[in-house]
Amino acid sequence: MPSLTEWKVPPACQPRSGDYSFDLDRALSSVVGLHSIIPPDAFSADNLGTERAGNGVVIDDGLVLTIGYLITEAEAVWLHLGDGRVMQGHTLGFDSETGFGLVQALGRLDIEPLPLGSSAAAKIGDRVVLGGAGGRTRSVAGRIAAKQEFAGYWEYLLDEALFTYPSHPNWGGAGLISERGELIGIGSLQLERESGGKSEHVNMVVPIDLLKPVLGDLRKFGRINKPARPWLGMYSAEIENKVVVVGVSAKGPAARAELKAGDVILAVNGEKVSSQTQFYRKLWSLGAAGVDVPLTVYHEGVTFDVVLASTDRVKLLKAPRLH
């Protein structure tokens, strides 16, 4: 059985129970370790690997909330509990729009769920704890550094993500705990930003308010019960007010249309785009997955139009196995 590696957050960054009005150790006991095995032929294996480890937060009886990339296409999921127990879990659901993933424990956790708070109520400068599995030595005392839009290169957009500082070294699936002792987000990424002429690392956290409208569907259907967004299988970056293709997914529509790294997306359906957020919003406004997506592309001095047949990215993923 793979064990989670031994490490500690530097003592100066660890939360101290006297600094909070809630029971810190009790809140952190709701955070568990998560370890998943993905088949080598899985669609996400090349990008995300076949063995993934991070955290999850117990939010209901036996129900663990995590970040979806840890469990996408997992054939086995283990939960590492604070008392040393290791328990098998089952991937219950994944939402590519928010990035949340759900795991159902296949046994009794005997862990008190962490109550859900309001990410909308969180303010810049608020004191928070980004909790990892293992209690205070695996958790970071920080503050909310920013609340702003976030666009990811993998066709992902949050209208208002939470950013925390200092950064947690094992951020994936970590629980963002508010000053009230409530869960207000799930750790997703580590990013670099400029601050006072120096670069520093921050964590991007998916706000918990995005979970509330989709939780019922994820529990019942394993995904959101509405038509999927159109997906192109295109990795992009915003460079000097241009949307530049930096890679394509081998089995996606962009690859079939022979788009390549270095191509610049000038317009979607005849409407100019100069940012990733514009690009995604215009793409998704065309309709559901399966809709034709007309793009105007610039490639090595030539501008041309091409129509991509979009798809639902979930169709390319292996379904989780029932145990």
C-alpha atoms as a PDB file:
ATOM      1  CA  MET A   1       0.000   0.000   0.000  1.00  0.00           C
ATOM      2  CA  PRO A   2       1.603   3.323  -1.020  1.00  0.00           C
ATOM      3  CA  SER A   3       2.024   5.672   1.926  1.00  0.00           C
ATOM      4  CA  LEU A   4       1.975   9.435   1.774  1.00  0.00           C
ATOM      5  CA  THR A   5       5.446  10.956   2.011  1.00  0.00           C
ATOM      6  CA  GLU A   6       6.737  12.457   5.241  1.00  0.00           C
ATOM      7  CA  TRP A   7       7.166  16.221   5.227  1.00  0.00           C
ATOM      8  CA  LYS A   8       6.191  19.253   7.298  1.00  0.00           C
ATOM      9  CA  VAL A   9       5.200  22.839   6.647  1.00  0.00           C
ATOM     10  CA  PRO A  10       7.878  25.195   8.087  1.00  0.00           C
ATOM     11  CA  PRO A  11       6.895  25.946  11.727  1.00  0.00           C
ATOM     12  CA  ALA A  12       6.598  29.703  11.060  1.00  0.00           C
ATOM     13  CA  CYS A  13       3.837  29.022   8.515  1.00  0.00           C
ATOM     14  CA  GLN A  14       1.886  26.500  10.583  1.00  0.00           C
ATOM     15  CA  PRO A  15      -1.415  27.619  12.161  1.00  0.00           C
ATOM     16  CA  ARG A  16      -1.556  27.940  15.965  1.00  0.00           C
ATOM     17  CA  SER A  17      -4.765  26.996  17.712  1.00  0.00           C
ATOM     18  CA  GLY A  18      -4.721  30.109  19.937  1.00  0.00           C
ATOM     19  CA  ASP A  19      -5.031  32.344  16.869  1.00  0.00           C
ATOM     20  CA  TYR A  20      -8.509  31.081  15.958  1.00  0.00           C
ATOM     21  CA  SER A  21     -11.907  31.167  17.633  1.00  0.00           C
ATOM     22  CA  PHE A  22     -12.811  27.655  16.425  1.00  0.00           C
ATOM     23  CA  ASP A  23     -11.348  24.269  17.362  1.00  0.00           C
ATOM     24  CA  LEU A  24      -8.469  24.155  14.860  1.00  0.00           C
ATOM     25  CA  ASP A  25      -7.440  20.546  15.445  1.00  0.00           C
ATOM     26  CA  ARG A  26     -11.013  19.342  15.135  1.00  0.00           C
ATOM     27  CA  ALA A  27     -11.480  21.232  11.855  1.00  0.00           C
ATOM     28  CA  LEU A  28      -8.199  19.879  10.458  1.00  0.00           C
ATOM     29  CA  SER A  29      -9.183  16.318  11.414  1.00  0.00           C
ATOM     30  CA  SER A  30     -11.763  16.519   8.596  1.00  0.00           C
ATOM     31  CA  VAL A  31      -8.936  16.708   6.016  1.00  0.00           C
ATOM     32  CA  VAL A  32      -7.764  13.316   4.767  1.00  0.00           C
ATOM     33  CA  GLY A  33      -4.983  12.147   2.470  1.00  0.00           C
ATOM     34  CA  LEU A  34      -5.941  10.841  -0.931  1.00  0.00           C
ATOM     35  CA  HIS A  35      -4.000   8.557  -3.261  1.00  0.00           C
ATOM     36  CA  SER A  36      -5.238   7.300  -6.624  1.00  0.00           C
ATOM     37  CA  ILE A  37      -4.071   4.892  -9.334  1.00  0.00           C
ATOM     38  CA  ILE A  38      -4.944   5.626 -12.974  1.00  0.00           C
ATOM     39  CA  PRO A  39      -4.642   3.111 -15.848  1.00  0.00           C
ATOM     40  CA  PRO A  40      -1.701   3.856 -18.190  1.00  0.00           C
ATOM     41  CA  ASP A  41      -4.066   3.997 -21.194  1.00  0.00           C
ATOM     42  CA  ALA A  42      -6.314   6.627 -19.560  1.00  0.00           C
ATOM     43  CA  PHE A  43      -6.835   9.852 -21.501  1.00  0.00           C
ATOM     44  CA  SER A  44      -5.460  11.955 -18.618  1.00  0.00           C
ATOM     45  CA  ALA A  45      -2.468   9.685 -17.854  1.00  0.00           C
ATOM     46  CA  ASP A  46       0.022  11.536 -20.079  1.00  0.00           C
ATOM     47  CA  ASN A  47      -0.711  14.951 -18.563  1.00  0.00           C
ATOM     48  CA  LEU A  48      -1.529  14.088 -14.967  1.00  0.00           C
ATOM     49  CA  GLY A  49       0.305  10.800 -14.416  1.00  0.00           C
ATOM     50  CA  THR A  50      -0.837   7.349 -13.356  1.00  0.00           C
ATOM     51  CA  GLU A  51      -0.307   7.884  -9.625  1.00  0.00           C
ATOM     52  CA  ARG A  52      -1.675  10.992  -7.929  1.00  0.00           C
ATOM     53  CA  ALA A  53      -1.671  12.089  -4.314  1.00  0.00           C
ATOM     54  CA  GLY A  54      -3.184  15.008  -2.447  1.00  0.00           C
ATOM     55  CA  ASN A  55      -5.916  15.824   0.023  1.00  0.00           C
ATOM     56  CA  GLY A  56      -9.670  15.712   0.440  1.00  0.00           C
ATOM     57  CA  VAL A  57     -12.164  17.104   2.950  1.00  0.00           C
ATOM     58  CA  VAL A  58     -14.983  15.152   4.594  1.00  0.00           C
ATOM     59  CA  ILE A  59     -18.154  17.189   3.974  1.00  0.00           C
ATOM     60  CA  ASP A  60     -20.810  14.589   4.788  1.00  0.00           C
ATOM     61  CA  ASP A  61     -21.024  11.050   6.145  1.00  0.00           C
ATOM     62  CA  GLY A  62     -18.365   9.172   4.151  1.00  0.00           C
ATOM     63  CA  LEU A  63     -18.321  11.847   1.447  1.00  0.00           C
ATOM     64  CA  VAL A  64     -14.963  13.436   0.573  1.00  0.00           C
ATOM     65  CA  LEU A  65     -14.612  16.582  -1.546  1.00  0.00           C
ATOM     66  CA  THR A  66     -11.368  16.979  -3.473  1.00  0.00           C
ATOM     67  CA  ILE A  67      -9.982  18.547  -6.622  1.00  0.00           C
ATOM     68  CA  GLY A  68     -11.083  16.544  -9.624  1.00  0.00           C
ATOM     69  CA  TYR A  69      -7.740  16.047 -11.353  1.00  0.00           C
ATOM     70  CA  LEU A  70      -6.605  13.786  -8.490  1.00  0.00           C
ATOM     71  CA  ILE A  71      -9.340  11.230  -9.216  1.00  0.00           C
ATOM     72  CA  THR A  72     -10.124  11.645 -12.939  1.00  0.00           C
ATOM     73  CA  GLU A  73     -10.220   8.130 -14.468  1.00  0.00           C
ATOM     74  CA  ALA A  74      -8.959   6.535 -11.232  1.00  0.00           C
ATOM     75  CA  GLU A  75      -9.328   2.756 -11.053  1.00  0.00           C
ATOM     76  CA  ALA A  76      -8.443   2.778  -7.350  1.00  0.00           C
ATOM     77  CA  VAL A  77      -8.674   5.481  -4.681  1.00  0.00           C
ATOM     78  CA  TRP A  78      -7.385   5.228  -1.113  1.00  0.00           C
ATOM     79  CA  LEU A  79      -8.132   7.579   1.755  1.00  0.00           C
ATOM     80  CA  HIS A  80      -5.415   8.023   4.397  1.00  0.00           C
ATOM     81  CA  LEU A  81      -6.986   8.919   7.741  1.00  0.00           C
ATOM     82  CA  GLY A  82      -5.412  10.782  10.652  1.00  0.00           C
ATOM     83  CA  ASP A  83      -5.452   7.713  12.918  1.00  0.00           C
ATOM     84  CA  GLY A  84      -3.309   5.719  10.483  1.00  0.00           C
ATOM     85  CA  ARG A  85      -6.143   3.828   8.804  1.00  0.00           C
ATOM     86  CA  VAL A  86      -6.180   3.486   5.025  1.00  0.00           C
ATOM     87  CA  MET A  87      -9.584   2.997   3.447  1.00  0.00           C
ATOM     88  CA  GLN A  88     -10.631   2.353  -0.107  1.00  0.00           C
ATOM     89  CA  GLY A  89     -12.852   4.942  -1.791  1.00  0.00           C
ATOM     90  CA  HIS A  90     -14.883   5.141  -4.971  1.00  0.00           C
ATOM     91  CA  THR A  91     -14.884   8.069  -7.408  1.00  0.00           C
ATOM     92  CA  LEU A  92     -18.435   9.331  -7.150  1.00  0.00           C
ATOM     93  CA  GLY A  93     -18.336  12.347  -9.440  1.00  0.00           C
ATOM     94  CA  PHE A  94     -16.273  14.949 -11.255  1.00  0.00           C
ATOM     95  CA  ASP A  95     -17.247  18.352 -12.649  1.00  0.00           C
ATOM     96  CA  SER A  96     -14.923  19.780 -15.292  1.00  0.00           C
ATOM     97  CA  GLU A  97     -16.550  23.237 -15.096  1.00  0.00           C
ATOM     98  CA  THR A  98     -15.747  23.863 -11.416  1.00  0.00           C
ATOM     99  CA  GLY A  99     -12.947  21.314 -11.055  1.00  0.00           C
ATOM    100  CA  PHE A 100     -14.479  19.588  -8.011  1.00  0.00           C
ATOM    101  CA  GLY A 101     -14.327  15.836  -7.480  1.00  0.00           C
ATOM    102  CA  LEU A 102     -16.235  13.625  -5.023  1.00  0.00           C
ATOM    103  CA  VAL A 103     -15.113  10.367  -3.421  1.00  0.00           C
ATOM    104  CA  GLN A 104     -17.332   8.015  -1.416  1.00  0.00           C
ATOM    105  CA  ALA A 105     -15.522   6.107   1.332  1.00  0.00           C
ATOM    106  CA  LEU A 106     -16.156   2.353   1.143  1.00  0.00           C
ATOM    107  CA  GLY A 107     -16.246   1.996   4.908  1.00  0.00           C
ATOM    108  CA  ARG A 108     -16.946   3.970   8.073  1.00  0.00           C
ATOM    109  CA  LEU A 109     -14.750   7.054   8.365  1.00  0.00           C
ATOM    110  CA  ASP A 110     -15.878   8.140  11.842  1.00  0.00           C
ATOM    111  CA  ILE A 111     -14.769  11.680  10.971  1.00  0.00           C
ATOM    112  CA  GLU A 112     -16.867  14.725  11.688  1.00  0.00           C
ATOM    113  CA  PRO A 113     -17.643  16.592   8.435  1.00  0.00           C
ATOM    114  CA  LEU A 114     -16.392  20.152   8.032  1.00  0.00           C
ATOM    115  CA  PRO A 115     -19.354  22.519   7.598  1.00  0.00           C
ATOM    116  CA  LEU A 116     -19.580  24.473   4.347  1.00  0.00           C
ATOM    117  CA  GLY A 117     -19.197  28.233   4.625  1.00  0.00           C
ATOM    118  CA  SER A 118     -19.597  31.102   2.166  1.00  0.00           C
ATOM    119  CA  SER A 119     -16.728  31.905  -0.180  1.00  0.00           C
ATOM    120  CA  ALA A 120     -18.608  35.034  -1.312  1.00  0.00           C
ATOM    121  CA  ALA A 121     -18.397  36.373   2.260  1.00  0.00           C
ATOM    122  CA  ALA A 122     -14.603  35.952   2.344  1.00  0.00           C
ATOM    123  CA  LYS A 123     -12.689  39.209   1.973  1.00  0.00           C
ATOM    124  CA  ILE A 124      -9.177  40.045   0.823  1.00  0.00           C
ATOM    125  CA  GLY A 125      -6.940  40.051   3.897  1.00  0.00           C
ATOM    126  CA  ASP A 126      -9.076  37.556   5.848  1.00  0.00           C
ATOM    127  CA  ARG A 127      -7.097  35.057   7.897  1.00  0.00           C
ATOM    128  CA  VAL A 128      -7.503  31.510   6.623  1.00  0.00           C
ATOM    129  CA  VAL A 129      -5.985  28.067   7.060  1.00  0.00           C
ATOM    130  CA  LEU A 130      -5.200  25.900   4.042  1.00  0.00           C
ATOM    131  CA  GLY A 131      -5.457  22.498   5.656  1.00  0.00           C
ATOM    132  CA  GLY A 132      -3.616  19.405   4.475  1.00  0.00           C
ATOM    133  CA  ALA A 133      -3.933  15.828   5.724  1.00  0.00           C
ATOM    134  CA  GLY A 134      -1.925  15.401   8.917  1.00  0.00           C
ATOM    135  CA  GLY A 135      -3.072  18.316  11.042  1.00  0.00           C
ATOM    136  CA  ARG A 136      -1.223  21.528  11.891  1.00  0.00           C
ATOM    137  CA  THR A 137       2.222  20.367  10.679  1.00  0.00           C
ATOM    138  CA  ARG A 138       0.731  19.837   7.193  1.00  0.00           C
ATOM    139  CA  SER A 139      -1.305  23.054   7.118  1.00  0.00           C
ATOM    140  CA  VAL A 140      -0.550  26.679   6.305  1.00  0.00           C
ATOM    141  CA  ALA A 141      -1.778  29.774   8.130  1.00  0.00           C
ATOM    142  CA  GLY A 142      -2.350  32.447   5.515  1.00  0.00           C
ATOM    143  CA  ARG A 143      -4.555  35.177   4.189  1.00  0.00           C
ATOM    144  CA  ILE A 144      -6.745  35.692   1.175  1.00  0.00           C
ATOM    145  CA  ALA A 145      -4.485  37.592  -1.214  1.00  0.00           C
ATOM    146  CA  ALA A 146      -6.973  38.112  -4.061  1.00  0.00           C
ATOM    147  CA  LYS A 147     -10.428  37.264  -5.384  1.00  0.00           C
ATOM    148  CA  GLN A 148     -10.448  37.456  -9.155  1.00  0.00           C
ATOM    149  CA  GLU A 149     -11.186  35.774 -12.446  1.00  0.00           C
ATOM    150  CA  PHE A 150      -8.999  32.817 -13.363  1.00  0.00           C
ATOM    151  CA  ALA A 151      -8.544  31.306 -16.819  1.00  0.00           C
ATOM    152  CA  GLY A 152      -6.709  27.980 -17.148  1.00  0.00           C
ATOM    153  CA  TYR A 153      -4.958  26.840 -20.309  1.00  0.00           C
ATOM    154  CA  TRP A 154      -7.066  23.629 -20.396  1.00  0.00           C
ATOM    155  CA  GLU A 155     -10.383  25.367 -21.367  1.00  0.00           C
ATOM    156  CA  TYR A 156     -11.256  26.294 -17.785  1.00  0.00           C
ATOM    157  CA  LEU A 157     -12.597  29.543 -16.353  1.00  0.00           C
ATOM    158  CA  LEU A 158     -13.686  30.683 -12.907  1.00  0.00           C
ATOM    159  CA  ASP A 159     -15.462  34.036 -12.632  1.00  0.00           C
ATOM    160  CA  GLU A 160     -13.975  34.568  -9.173  1.00  0.00           C
ATOM    161  CA  ALA A 161     -11.290  32.288  -7.767  1.00  0.00           C
ATOM    162  CA  LEU A 162      -9.708  32.678  -4.336  1.00  0.00           C
ATOM    163  CA  PHE A 163      -5.943  33.183  -4.051  1.00  0.00           C
ATOM    164  CA  THR A 164      -4.113  32.593  -0.769  1.00  0.00           C
ATOM    165  CA  TYR A 165      -0.641  33.438   0.511  1.00  0.00           C
ATOM    166  CA  PRO A 166       1.726  31.966   1.622  1.00  0.00           C
ATOM    167  CA  SER A 167       1.478  28.941  -0.630  1.00  0.00           C
ATOM    168  CA  HIS A 168       0.797  25.415   0.597  1.00  0.00           C
ATOM    169  CA  PRO A 169       3.396  22.917  -0.720  1.00  0.00           C
ATOM    170  CA  ASN A 170       0.801  20.114  -1.089  1.00  0.00           C
ATOM    171  CA  TRP A 171      -2.127  22.204  -2.284  1.00  0.00           C
ATOM    172  CA  GLY A 172      -4.114  19.668  -4.344  1.00  0.00           C
ATOM    173  CA  GLY A 173      -7.444  19.047  -2.607  1.00  0.00           C
ATOM    174  CA  ALA A 174      -6.412  20.985   0.524  1.00  0.00           C
ATOM    175  CA  GLY A 175      -9.280  22.536   2.468  1.00  0.00           C
ATOM    176  CA  LEU A 176      -9.495  26.327   2.794  1.00  0.00           C
ATOM    177  CA  ILE A 177     -10.899  27.013   6.244  1.00  0.00           C
ATOM    178  CA  SER A 178     -12.350  30.416   7.135  1.00  0.00           C
ATOM    179  CA  GLU A 179     -12.073  32.349  10.402  1.00  0.00           C
ATOM    180  CA  ARG A 180     -15.422  30.769  11.328  1.00  0.00           C
ATOM    181  CA  GLY A 181     -14.008  27.256  10.995  1.00  0.00           C
ATOM    182  CA  GLU A 182     -15.951  26.517   7.810  1.00  0.00           C
ATOM    183  CA  LEU A 183     -14.832  25.127   4.455  1.00  0.00           C
ATOM    184  CA  ILE A 184     -14.754  27.920   1.847  1.00  0.00           C
ATOM    185  CA  GLY A 185     -12.671  26.341  -0.922  1.00  0.00           C
ATOM    186  CA  ILE A 186     -10.581  23.464  -2.252  1.00  0.00           C
ATOM    187  CA  GLY A 187      -6.933  23.892  -3.294  1.00  0.00           C
ATOM    188  CA  SER A 188      -6.279  23.564  -7.028  1.00  0.00           C
ATOM    189  CA  LEU A 189      -3.002  25.132  -8.172  1.00  0.00           C
ATOM    190  CA  GLN A 190       0.181  26.905  -7.206  1.00  0.00           C
ATOM    191  CA  LEU A 191       0.920  30.052  -9.199  1.00  0.00           C
ATOM    192  CA  GLU A 192       3.613  32.707  -9.217  1.00  0.00           C
ATOM    193  CA  ARG A 193       2.902  36.416  -8.917  1.00  0.00           C
ATOM    194  CA  GLU A 194       4.931  39.599  -8.684  1.00  0.00           C
ATOM    195  CA  SER A 195       4.778  41.391  -5.348  1.00  0.00           C
ATOM    196  CA  GLY A 196       6.988  44.350  -4.450  1.00  0.00           C
ATOM    197  CA  GLY A 197       9.413  43.550  -7.254  1.00  0.00           C
ATOM    198  CA  LYS A 198       9.818  39.945  -6.114  1.00  0.00           C
ATOM    199  CA  SER A 199       8.075  36.802  -7.281  1.00  0.00           C
ATOM    200  CA  GLU A 200       6.126  34.769  -4.728  1.00  0.00           C
ATOM    201  CA  HIS A 201       3.942  31.681  -4.851  1.00  0.00           C
ATOM    202  CA  VAL A 202       0.213  31.726  -4.146  1.00  0.00           C
ATOM    203  CA  ASN A 203      -2.449  29.009  -4.198  1.00  0.00           C
ATOM    204  CA  MET A 204      -5.490  29.192  -6.450  1.00  0.00           C
ATOM    205  CA  VAL A 205      -8.494  27.804  -4.587  1.00  0.00           C
ATOM    206  CA  VAL A 206     -11.862  26.838  -6.097  1.00  0.00           C
ATOM    207  CA  PRO A 207     -14.608  28.656  -4.117  1.00  0.00           C
ATOM    208  CA  ILE A 208     -17.031  26.428  -2.188  1.00  0.00           C
ATOM    209  CA  ASP A 209     -20.067  28.414  -3.369  1.00  0.00           C
ATOM    210  CA  LEU A 210     -19.600  26.761  -6.788  1.00  0.00           C
ATOM    211  CA  LEU A 211     -20.232  23.359  -5.183  1.00  0.00           C
ATOM    212  CA  LYS A 212     -23.670  24.108  -3.762  1.00  0.00           C
ATOM    213  CA  PRO A 213     -25.628  24.184  -7.074  1.00  0.00           C
ATOM    214  CA  VAL A 214     -23.919  21.025  -8.427  1.00  0.00           C
ATOM    215  CA  LEU A 215     -23.508  18.780  -5.368  1.00  0.00           C
ATOM    216  CA  GLY A 216     -26.852  17.020  -5.792  1.00  0.00           C
ATOM    217  CA  ASP A 217     -26.153  16.170  -9.432  1.00  0.00           C
ATOM    218  CA  LEU A 218     -22.613  14.967  -8.662  1.00  0.00           C
ATOM    219  CA  ARG A 219     -23.919  12.626  -5.965  1.00  0.00           C
ATOM    220  CA  LYS A 220     -26.750  11.316  -8.120  1.00  0.00           C
ATOM    221  CA  PHE A 221     -25.321  11.231 -11.658  1.00  0.00           C
ATOM    222  CA  GLY A 222     -21.538  11.581 -11.232  1.00  0.00           C
ATOM    223  CA  ARG A 223     -21.582  14.756 -13.317  1.00  0.00           C
ATOM    224  CA  ILE A 224     -23.735  17.837 -13.897  1.00  0.00           C
ATOM    225  CA  ASN A 225     -27.137  16.965 -15.315  1.00  0.00           C
ATOM    226  CA  LYS A 226     -27.116  19.467 -18.168  1.00  0.00           C
ATOM    227  CA  PRO A 227     -25.606  19.571 -21.676  1.00  0.00           C
ATOM    228  CA  ALA A 228     -21.804  19.732 -21.543  1.00  0.00           C
ATOM    229  CA  ARG A 229     -19.836  22.706 -22.801  1.00  0.00           C
ATOM    230  CA  PRO A 230     -18.168  22.362 -26.203  1.00  0.00           C
ATOM    231  CA  TRP A 231     -14.553  21.225 -25.827  1.00  0.00           C
ATOM    232  CA  LEU A 232     -11.791  21.667 -28.418  1.00  0.00           C
ATOM    233  CA  GLY A 233      -8.845  19.854 -26.828  1.00  0.00           C
ATOM    234  CA  MET A 234      -6.722  22.963 -27.143  1.00  0.00           C
ATOM    235  CA  TYR A 235      -4.209  24.328 -24.648  1.00  0.00           C
ATOM    236  CA  SER A 236      -3.850  28.088 -24.955  1.00  0.00           C
ATOM    237  CA  ALA A 237      -2.069  31.020 -23.354  1.00  0.00           C
ATOM    238  CA  GLU A 238      -2.729  34.746 -23.432  1.00  0.00           C
ATOM    239  CA  ILE A 239       0.404  36.424 -24.777  1.00  0.00           C
ATOM    240  CA  GLU A 240       0.465  40.180 -25.545  1.00  0.00           C
ATOM    241  CA  ASN A 241      -3.327  40.377 -26.005  1.00  0.00           C
ATOM    242  CA  LYS A 242      -3.364  37.348 -28.249  1.00  0.00           C
ATOM    243  CA  VAL A 243      -4.747  33.849 -27.693  1.00  0.00           C
ATOM    244  CA  VAL A 244      -1.895  31.531 -28.669  1.00  0.00           C
ATOM    245  CA  VAL A 245      -2.155  27.765 -29.011  1.00  0.00           C
ATOM    246  CA  VAL A 246       0.549  26.164 -26.856  1.00  0.00           C
ATOM    247  CA  GLY A 247      -0.495  22.552 -27.383  1.00  0.00           C
ATOM    248  CA  VAL A 248      -3.304  20.260 -28.504  1.00  0.00           C
ATOM    249  CA  SER A 249      -4.777  17.120 -26.968  1.00  0.00           C
ATOM    250  CA  ALA A 250      -3.950  14.105 -29.117  1.00  0.00           C
ATOM    251  CA  LYS A 251      -7.548  12.886 -29.517  1.00  0.00           C
ATOM    252  CA  GLY A 252      -9.321  16.245 -29.523  1.00  0.00           C
ATOM    253  CA  PRO A 253     -11.029  18.341 -32.203  1.00  0.00           C
ATOM    254  CA  ALA A 254      -8.099  20.779 -32.428  1.00  0.00           C
ATOM    255  CA  ALA A 255      -5.717  17.928 -33.302  1.00  0.00           C
ATOM    256  CA  ARG A 256      -8.130  16.596 -35.936  1.00  0.00           C
ATOM    257  CA  ALA A 257      -8.257  20.081 -37.468  1.00  0.00           C
ATOM    258  CA  GLU A 258      -4.425  20.078 -37.490  1.00  0.00           C
ATOM    259  CA  LEU A 259      -4.044  23.147 -35.303  1.00  0.00           C
ATOM    260  CA  LYS A 260      -0.548  23.434 -33.879  1.00  0.00           C
ATOM    261  CA  ALA A 261       1.430  25.153 -31.142  1.00  0.00           C
ATOM    262  CA  GLY A 262       2.151  28.726 -32.230  1.00  0.00           C
ATOM    263  CA  ASP A 263      -1.172  29.227 -34.006  1.00  0.00           C
ATOM    264  CA  VAL A 264      -2.995  32.399 -32.936  1.00  0.00           C
ATOM    265  CA  ILE A 265      -6.790  32.354 -32.500  1.00  0.00           C
ATOM    266  CA  LEU A 266      -8.026  35.656 -33.926  1.00  0.00           C
ATOM    267  CA  ALA A 267     -11.794  35.150 -33.827  1.00  0.00           C
ATOM    268  CA  VAL A 268     -14.584  32.774 -32.803  1.00  0.00           C
ATOM    269  CA  ASN A 269     -17.538  32.703 -35.181  1.00  0.00           C
ATOM    270  CA  GLY A 270     -16.344  35.963 -36.717  1.00  0.00           C
ATOM    271  CA  GLU A 271     -16.017  37.795 -33.382  1.00  0.00           C
ATOM    272  CA  LYS A 272     -12.496  38.910 -32.479  1.00  0.00           C
ATOM    273  CA  VAL A 273     -10.880  37.580 -29.310  1.00  0.00           C
ATOM    274  CA  SER A 274      -7.831  39.024 -27.554  1.00  0.00           C
ATOM    275  CA  SER A 275      -7.975  37.206 -24.202  1.00  0.00           C
ATOM    276  CA  GLN A 276      -8.511  33.681 -22.923  1.00  0.00           C
ATOM    277  CA  THR A 277     -11.656  34.705 -21.072  1.00  0.00           C
ATOM    278  CA  GLN A 278     -13.149  36.199 -24.260  1.00  0.00           C
ATOM    279  CA  PHE A 279     -12.171  33.079 -26.181  1.00  0.00           C
ATOM    280  CA  TYR A 280     -13.811  30.697 -23.691  1.00  0.00           C
ATOM    281  CA  ARG A 281     -16.979  32.735 -23.263  1.00  0.00           C
ATOM    282  CA  LYS A 282     -17.529  33.060 -27.020  1.00  0.00           C
ATOM    283  CA  LEU A 283     -16.781  29.357 -27.502  1.00  0.00           C
ATOM    284  CA  TRP A 284     -19.226  28.266 -24.812  1.00  0.00           C
ATOM    285  CA  SER A 285     -21.922  30.697 -26.021  1.00  0.00           C
ATOM    286  CA  LEU A 286     -22.169  28.810 -29.338  1.00  0.00           C
ATOM    287  CA  GLY A 287     -24.146  25.982 -27.757  1.00  0.00           C
ATOM    288  CA  ALA A 288     -23.599  22.582 -26.163  1.00  0.00           C
ATOM    289  CA  ALA A 289     -20.859  20.029 -26.875  1.00  0.00           C
ATOM    290  CA  GLY A 290     -21.093  18.817 -30.469  1.00  0.00           C
ATOM    291  CA  VAL A 291     -21.691  22.288 -31.915  1.00  0.00           C
ATOM    292  CA  ASP A 292     -19.475  23.374 -34.816  1.00  0.00           C
ATOM    293  CA  VAL A 293     -16.953  26.033 -33.781  1.00  0.00           C
ATOM    294  CA  PRO A 294     -15.769  28.396 -36.566  1.00  0.00           C
ATOM    295  CA  LEU A 295     -12.325  29.830 -35.796  1.00  0.00           C
ATOM    296  CA  THR A 296     -10.168  32.381 -37.582  1.00  0.00           C
ATOM    297  CA  VAL A 297      -6.539  31.360 -37.135  1.00  0.00           C
ATOM    298  CA  TYR A 298      -3.213  33.017 -37.934  1.00  0.00           C
ATOM    299  CA  HIS A 299      -0.348  30.641 -38.771  1.00  0.00           C
ATOM    300  CA  GLU A 300       3.097  31.732 -39.980  1.00  0.00           C
ATOM    301  CA  GLY A 301       1.915  34.724 -41.989  1.00  0.00           C
ATOM    302  CA  VAL A 302      -1.316  33.139 -43.215  1.00  0.00           C
ATOM    303  CA  THR A 303      -4.806  33.801 -41.859  1.00  0.00           C
ATOM    304  CA  PHE A 304      -7.420  31.128 -42.490  1.00  0.00           C
ATOM    305  CA  ASP A 305     -10.844  29.972 -41.297  1.00  0.00           C
ATOM    306  CA  VAL A 306     -11.434  26.482 -39.932  1.00  0.00           C
ATOM    307  CA  VAL A 307     -14.468  24.783 -38.389  1.00  0.00           C
ATOM    308  CA  LEU A 308     -13.890  22.444 -35.441  1.00  0.00           C
ATOM    309  CA  ALA A 309     -16.454  19.804 -34.465  1.00  0.00           C
ATOM    310  CA  SER A 310     -16.514  20.242 -30.686  1.00  0.00           C
ATOM    311  CA  THR A 311     -17.086  17.356 -28.309  1.00  0.00           C
ATOM    312  CA  ASP A 312     -17.803  16.542 -24.661  1.00  0.00           C
ATOM    313  CA  ARG A 313     -14.442  15.928 -22.982  1.00  0.00           C
ATOM    314  CA  VAL A 314     -16.005  13.423 -20.561  1.00  0.00           C
ATOM    315  CA  LYS A 315     -16.630  11.043 -23.482  1.00  0.00           C
ATOM    316  CA  LEU A 316     -12.863  10.567 -23.766  1.00  0.00           C
ATOM    317  CA  LEU A 317     -12.457   9.625 -20.108  1.00  0.00           C
ATOM    318  CA  LYS A 318     -12.577   6.144 -18.630  1.00  0.00           C
ATOM    319  CA  ALA A 319     -15.562   5.659 -16.348  1.00  0.00           C
ATOM    320  CA  PRO A 320     -14.628   4.942 -12.708  1.00  0.00           C
ATOM    321  CA  ARG A 321     -14.853   1.266 -11.823  1.00  0.00           C
ATOM    322  CA  LEU A 322     -17.413   0.146  -9.249  1.00  0.00           C
ATOM    323  CA  HIS A 323     -15.947  -2.073  -6.550  1.00  0.00           C
END
